[in-house]
N, C-alpha and C. Protein backbone atom coordinates (compact mmCIF):
# COMPACT_ATOMS: atom_id res chain seq x y z
N MET A 1 23.34 26.64 -4.15
CA MET A 1 23.62 25.82 -2.98
C MET A 1 23.10 24.40 -3.21
N PRO A 2 23.98 23.40 -3.17
CA PRO A 2 23.54 22.02 -3.43
C PRO A 2 22.66 21.47 -2.32
N LYS A 3 21.74 20.61 -2.72
CA LYS A 3 20.87 19.97 -1.74
C LYS A 3 21.62 18.91 -0.96
N LYS A 4 21.20 18.67 0.28
CA LYS A 4 21.77 17.59 1.07
C LYS A 4 21.23 16.27 0.55
N LYS A 5 22.10 15.28 0.48
CA LYS A 5 21.69 13.96 0.03
C LYS A 5 20.92 13.27 1.15
N HIS A 6 19.84 12.62 0.79
CA HIS A 6 19.01 11.90 1.77
C HIS A 6 19.76 10.67 2.27
N ILE A 7 19.81 10.49 3.57
CA ILE A 7 20.44 9.32 4.17
C ILE A 7 19.33 8.49 4.82
N PRO A 8 19.07 7.28 4.29
CA PRO A 8 18.00 6.46 4.87
C PRO A 8 18.34 6.02 6.29
N GLU A 9 17.35 6.10 7.16
CA GLU A 9 17.52 5.68 8.55
C GLU A 9 16.57 4.54 8.86
N ARG A 10 17.00 3.66 9.75
CA ARG A 10 16.16 2.57 10.23
C ARG A 10 16.26 2.55 11.75
N THR A 11 15.35 1.85 12.39
CA THR A 11 15.31 1.79 13.85
C THR A 11 15.79 0.43 14.32
N CYS A 12 16.69 0.43 15.30
CA CYS A 12 17.14 -0.82 15.93
C CYS A 12 15.97 -1.39 16.70
N ILE A 13 15.72 -2.69 16.56
CA ILE A 13 14.55 -3.29 17.21
C ILE A 13 14.71 -3.41 18.71
N MET A 14 15.93 -3.32 19.21
CA MET A 14 16.16 -3.43 20.66
C MET A 14 16.16 -2.08 21.36
N CYS A 15 17.08 -1.20 20.97
CA CYS A 15 17.25 0.06 21.69
C CYS A 15 16.37 1.19 21.13
N ARG A 16 15.73 0.95 19.96
CA ARG A 16 14.81 1.89 19.32
C ARG A 16 15.49 3.18 18.87
N LYS A 17 16.80 3.18 18.68
CA LYS A 17 17.52 4.36 18.18
C LYS A 17 17.42 4.38 16.65
N LYS A 18 17.24 5.59 16.10
CA LYS A 18 17.26 5.75 14.65
C LYS A 18 18.70 5.96 14.24
N ILE A 19 19.17 5.10 13.34
CA ILE A 19 20.57 5.07 12.92
C ILE A 19 20.58 4.95 11.40
N PRO A 20 21.59 5.55 10.73
CA PRO A 20 21.68 5.36 9.27
C PRO A 20 21.72 3.87 8.90
N LYS A 21 21.02 3.53 7.85
CA LYS A 21 20.85 2.14 7.43
C LYS A 21 22.18 1.41 7.24
N LYS A 22 23.19 2.11 6.72
CA LYS A 22 24.48 1.47 6.45
C LYS A 22 25.22 1.05 7.71
N ASP A 23 24.86 1.60 8.87
CA ASP A 23 25.52 1.29 10.13
C ASP A 23 24.82 0.18 10.91
N LEU A 24 23.73 -0.35 10.39
CA LEU A 24 22.97 -1.39 11.08
C LEU A 24 23.21 -2.76 10.47
N ILE A 25 22.88 -3.78 11.23
CA ILE A 25 22.99 -5.17 10.79
C ILE A 25 21.57 -5.66 10.52
N ARG A 26 21.34 -6.17 9.32
CA ARG A 26 20.00 -6.58 8.92
C ARG A 26 19.86 -8.10 8.95
N PHE A 27 18.74 -8.54 9.51
CA PHE A 27 18.36 -9.94 9.48
C PHE A 27 17.12 -10.06 8.62
N CYS A 28 16.99 -11.19 7.96
CA CYS A 28 15.90 -11.39 7.03
C CYS A 28 15.31 -12.78 7.24
N PHE A 29 14.01 -12.92 7.07
CA PHE A 29 13.35 -14.22 7.15
C PHE A 29 13.03 -14.65 5.73
N LYS A 30 13.73 -15.70 5.28
CA LYS A 30 13.58 -16.14 3.90
C LYS A 30 13.62 -17.67 3.86
N ASN A 31 12.68 -18.26 3.17
CA ASN A 31 12.60 -19.72 3.02
C ASN A 31 12.60 -20.45 4.35
N GLY A 32 11.93 -19.89 5.34
CA GLY A 32 11.81 -20.55 6.64
C GLY A 32 13.04 -20.43 7.53
N GLU A 33 13.98 -19.59 7.17
CA GLU A 33 15.20 -19.41 7.97
C GLU A 33 15.46 -17.94 8.23
N ILE A 34 16.09 -17.67 9.37
CA ILE A 34 16.57 -16.31 9.65
C ILE A 34 17.99 -16.24 9.14
N ILE A 35 18.24 -15.29 8.24
CA ILE A 35 19.58 -15.16 7.67
C ILE A 35 20.12 -13.76 7.93
N LEU A 36 21.44 -13.66 8.00
CA LEU A 36 22.12 -12.38 8.12
C LEU A 36 22.23 -11.81 6.71
N ASP A 37 21.65 -10.67 6.49
CA ASP A 37 21.62 -10.06 5.16
C ASP A 37 22.77 -9.07 5.03
N GLU A 38 23.88 -9.55 4.50
CA GLU A 38 25.06 -8.69 4.38
C GLU A 38 24.90 -7.63 3.31
N SER A 39 24.17 -7.93 2.25
CA SER A 39 23.99 -6.96 1.16
C SER A 39 22.91 -5.93 1.50
N LYS A 40 22.09 -6.22 2.49
CA LYS A 40 20.96 -5.38 2.91
C LYS A 40 19.95 -5.17 1.78
N LYS A 41 19.90 -6.15 0.85
CA LYS A 41 18.99 -6.04 -0.28
C LYS A 41 18.18 -7.31 -0.51
N GLU A 42 18.29 -8.29 0.37
CA GLU A 42 17.55 -9.55 0.20
C GLU A 42 16.05 -9.30 0.28
N MET A 43 15.31 -10.13 -0.42
CA MET A 43 13.86 -10.06 -0.37
C MET A 43 13.39 -10.66 0.96
N GLY A 44 12.22 -10.28 1.39
CA GLY A 44 11.66 -10.82 2.61
C GLY A 44 11.65 -9.78 3.72
N ARG A 45 10.92 -10.11 4.77
CA ARG A 45 10.81 -9.20 5.90
C ARG A 45 12.15 -9.09 6.60
N GLY A 46 12.52 -7.87 6.95
CA GLY A 46 13.81 -7.65 7.60
C GLY A 46 13.67 -6.96 8.94
N ALA A 47 14.71 -7.08 9.74
CA ALA A 47 14.78 -6.43 11.04
C ALA A 47 16.22 -5.97 11.24
N TYR A 48 16.39 -4.83 11.89
CA TYR A 48 17.71 -4.24 12.04
C TYR A 48 18.14 -4.20 13.50
N LEU A 49 19.44 -4.45 13.72
CA LEU A 49 20.06 -4.34 15.04
C LEU A 49 21.30 -3.47 14.91
N CYS A 50 21.54 -2.62 15.92
CA CYS A 50 22.79 -1.86 15.95
C CYS A 50 23.90 -2.80 16.44
N GLU A 51 25.14 -2.38 16.29
CA GLU A 51 26.26 -3.24 16.68
C GLU A 51 26.25 -3.56 18.17
N GLU A 52 25.88 -2.59 18.98
CA GLU A 52 25.84 -2.79 20.44
C GLU A 52 24.83 -3.87 20.82
N CYS A 53 23.66 -3.82 20.23
CA CYS A 53 22.63 -4.82 20.52
C CYS A 53 22.98 -6.17 19.88
N PHE A 54 23.65 -6.15 18.73
CA PHE A 54 24.06 -7.38 18.07
C PHE A 54 25.01 -8.20 18.96
N LEU A 55 25.83 -7.51 19.73
CA LEU A 55 26.76 -8.20 20.62
C LEU A 55 26.04 -8.95 21.74
N ARG A 56 24.80 -8.57 22.02
CA ARG A 56 23.99 -9.22 23.06
C ARG A 56 22.99 -10.20 22.46
N ILE A 57 23.25 -10.72 21.27
CA ILE A 57 22.29 -11.55 20.55
C ILE A 57 21.95 -12.84 21.29
N GLU A 58 22.82 -13.32 22.16
CA GLU A 58 22.54 -14.54 22.92
C GLU A 58 21.49 -14.32 24.01
N ASN A 59 21.21 -13.09 24.33
CA ASN A 59 20.22 -12.73 25.33
C ASN A 59 18.83 -13.18 24.83
N LYS A 60 18.04 -13.80 25.70
CA LYS A 60 16.70 -14.28 25.32
C LYS A 60 15.80 -13.14 24.86
N LYS A 61 15.94 -11.97 25.48
CA LYS A 61 15.10 -10.84 25.12
C LYS A 61 15.36 -10.39 23.68
N VAL A 62 16.62 -10.42 23.27
CA VAL A 62 16.97 -10.03 21.91
C VAL A 62 16.38 -11.04 20.92
N LYS A 63 16.50 -12.31 21.23
CA LYS A 63 15.95 -13.34 20.34
C LYS A 63 14.44 -13.19 20.19
N ARG A 64 13.76 -12.92 21.31
CA ARG A 64 12.30 -12.74 21.27
C ARG A 64 11.92 -11.55 20.40
N LYS A 65 12.63 -10.45 20.56
CA LYS A 65 12.34 -9.25 19.77
C LYS A 65 12.58 -9.51 18.28
N LEU A 66 13.65 -10.25 17.98
CA LEU A 66 13.95 -10.55 16.58
C LEU A 66 12.85 -11.42 15.96
N LEU A 67 12.39 -12.43 16.68
CA LEU A 67 11.31 -13.27 16.19
C LEU A 67 10.02 -12.47 16.01
N TYR A 68 9.74 -11.57 16.93
CA TYR A 68 8.54 -10.75 16.84
C TYR A 68 8.62 -9.80 15.66
N ALA A 69 9.78 -9.17 15.46
CA ALA A 69 9.95 -8.22 14.37
C ALA A 69 9.84 -8.90 13.00
N LEU A 70 10.28 -10.14 12.91
CA LEU A 70 10.21 -10.87 11.65
C LEU A 70 8.89 -11.61 11.48
N ARG A 71 7.99 -11.47 12.44
CA ARG A 71 6.66 -12.08 12.42
C ARG A 71 6.74 -13.61 12.35
N ILE A 72 7.59 -14.19 13.21
CA ILE A 72 7.75 -15.64 13.26
C ILE A 72 7.07 -16.17 14.51
N ASN A 73 6.20 -17.15 14.34
CA ASN A 73 5.53 -17.78 15.48
C ASN A 73 6.16 -19.14 15.74
N LEU A 74 6.59 -19.35 16.96
CA LEU A 74 7.14 -20.67 17.33
C LEU A 74 6.19 -21.41 18.23
């Protein structure tokens, strides 16, 4: 009987749901900028959002959580 392949999971910083890593959107803090990490392999601290929470990115609460998760002080 073959073993099940491990599927990495990450937590959305807004809704706190555990979702497979491939289904999340990753943001990264690199060289003083917040960038959208499409490859999900960039160096630097990262934070994940699910698609539902990503659609609410203009919300101040989402922005605050993203800054906190990336350890950015303004």
